[in-house]
Amino acid sequence: MIGFHLTAYDLAVAVLSAGSWLSIGIVIGVFYFLTLRWNVRMLTAGRPLLPTMAIQFGRFAAIGIVLALIAGYFGALPLLATTAGILAARTAIIRFGAQP
């Protein structure tokens, strides 16, 4: 049986990689949820519905494409770290970004 030995270097690379993907997820999440806020303000201000909904569907498509590309090219662990970053950004925007 072949054993799997994790060296300190491998562990450091894994932690740095996960931190990088988490940071990328935070940036994506901040962009996504700030554009959501902008989109909601457009809807409540009575702007035309077609451009507002086009922006909404564009946001959905953009985050779906980005996450699909990450999963396809890099695998499950970067996808999970990126998603965790997006959820962290969501929490930060909701908690600290509640401006009128």
Protein backbone atom coordinates (compact mmCIF):
# COMPACT_ATOMS: atom_id res chain seq x y z
CA MET A 1 0.00 0.00 0.00
CA ILE A 2 1.29 3.41 -0.89
CA GLY A 3 1.08 5.97 1.88
CA PHE A 4 0.28 9.62 1.40
CA HIS A 5 2.70 11.88 3.19
CA LEU A 6 1.86 15.55 3.45
CA THR A 7 4.91 17.72 3.86
CA ALA A 8 4.98 21.18 5.38
CA TYR A 9 5.56 22.62 1.90
CA ASP A 10 2.46 20.89 0.52
CA LEU A 11 0.40 22.16 3.42
CA ALA A 12 1.66 25.72 2.94
CA VAL A 13 0.85 25.60 -0.77
CA ALA A 14 -2.65 24.29 -0.02
CA VAL A 15 -3.30 27.02 2.55
CA LEU A 16 -2.03 29.77 0.24
CA SER A 17 -4.05 28.39 -2.65
CA ALA A 18 -7.22 28.24 -0.55
CA GLY A 19 -6.59 31.78 0.68
CA SER A 20 -6.18 32.99 -2.88
CA TRP A 21 -9.43 31.38 -3.98
CA LEU A 22 -11.18 32.76 -0.90
CA SER A 23 -9.93 36.26 -1.80
CA ILE A 24 -11.12 35.85 -5.37
CA GLY A 25 -14.51 34.78 -4.04
CA ILE A 26 -14.70 37.83 -1.79
CA VAL A 27 -14.00 40.15 -4.73
CA ILE A 28 -16.61 38.39 -6.87
CA GLY A 29 -19.11 38.45 -4.01
CA VAL A 30 -18.64 42.14 -3.26
CA PHE A 31 -19.15 42.97 -6.93
CA TYR A 32 -22.19 40.69 -7.15
CA PHE A 33 -23.96 41.98 -4.05
CA LEU A 34 -23.19 45.65 -4.70
CA THR A 35 -24.68 45.29 -8.17
CA LEU A 36 -27.65 43.56 -6.52
CA ARG A 37 -28.12 46.62 -4.32
CA TRP A 38 -27.92 48.86 -7.38
CA ASN A 39 -30.40 46.63 -9.20
CA VAL A 40 -32.89 46.71 -6.31
CA ARG A 41 -32.66 50.50 -6.20
CA MET A 42 -33.44 50.58 -9.92
CA LEU A 43 -36.50 48.38 -9.35
CA THR A 44 -37.80 50.44 -6.43
CA ALA A 45 -37.20 53.74 -8.23
CA GLY A 46 -39.60 52.76 -10.98
CA ARG A 47 -37.03 52.50 -13.75
CA PRO A 48 -38.04 50.61 -16.91
CA LEU A 49 -38.43 46.91 -16.24
CA LEU A 50 -36.64 45.51 -19.30
CA PRO A 51 -33.17 46.99 -18.65
CA THR A 52 -33.47 46.25 -14.95
CA MET A 53 -34.32 42.61 -15.57
CA ALA A 54 -31.56 42.36 -18.20
CA ILE A 55 -29.05 43.49 -15.59
CA GLN A 56 -30.49 40.96 -13.14
CA PHE A 57 -30.15 38.08 -15.60
CA GLY A 58 -26.69 39.31 -16.56
CA ARG A 59 -25.61 39.11 -12.91
CA PHE A 60 -26.93 35.55 -12.65
CA ALA A 61 -25.21 34.54 -15.87
CA ALA A 62 -21.91 36.16 -14.90
CA ILE A 63 -21.63 34.44 -11.53
CA GLY A 64 -22.77 31.13 -13.01
CA ILE A 65 -20.18 31.31 -15.78
CA VAL A 66 -17.38 32.29 -13.40
CA LEU A 67 -18.19 29.46 -10.98
CA ALA A 68 -18.54 26.95 -13.83
CA LEU A 69 -15.16 27.98 -15.24
CA ILE A 70 -13.52 27.66 -11.84
CA ALA A 71 -15.06 24.20 -11.35
CA GLY A 72 -14.14 23.10 -14.86
CA TYR A 73 -10.55 24.29 -14.94
CA PHE A 74 -9.48 24.09 -11.31
CA GLY A 75 -11.72 21.56 -9.57
CA ALA A 76 -13.94 21.25 -6.55
CA LEU A 77 -11.74 22.67 -3.80
CA PRO A 78 -11.16 26.04 -5.52
CA LEU A 79 -14.88 26.14 -6.27
CA LEU A 80 -15.70 25.59 -2.59
CA ALA A 81 -13.18 28.20 -1.45
CA THR A 82 -14.52 30.72 -3.97
CA THR A 83 -18.08 30.03 -2.88
CA ALA A 84 -17.06 30.51 0.75
CA GLY A 85 -15.59 33.89 -0.24
CA ILE A 86 -18.84 34.85 -1.97
CA LEU A 87 -20.81 33.93 1.15
CA ALA A 88 -18.38 35.90 3.34
CA ALA A 89 -18.85 38.93 1.10
CA ARG A 90 -22.62 38.49 1.34
CA THR A 91 -22.42 38.50 5.12
CA ALA A 92 -20.20 41.59 5.13
CA ILE A 93 -22.43 43.49 2.70
CA ILE A 94 -25.56 42.65 4.69
CA ARG A 95 -24.01 43.41 8.07
CA PHE A 96 -21.86 46.45 7.35
CA GLY A 97 -23.23 47.80 4.10
CA ALA A 98 -26.78 48.62 5.12
CA GLN A 99 -26.84 52.19 3.91
CA PRO A 100 -30.04 53.94 2.88
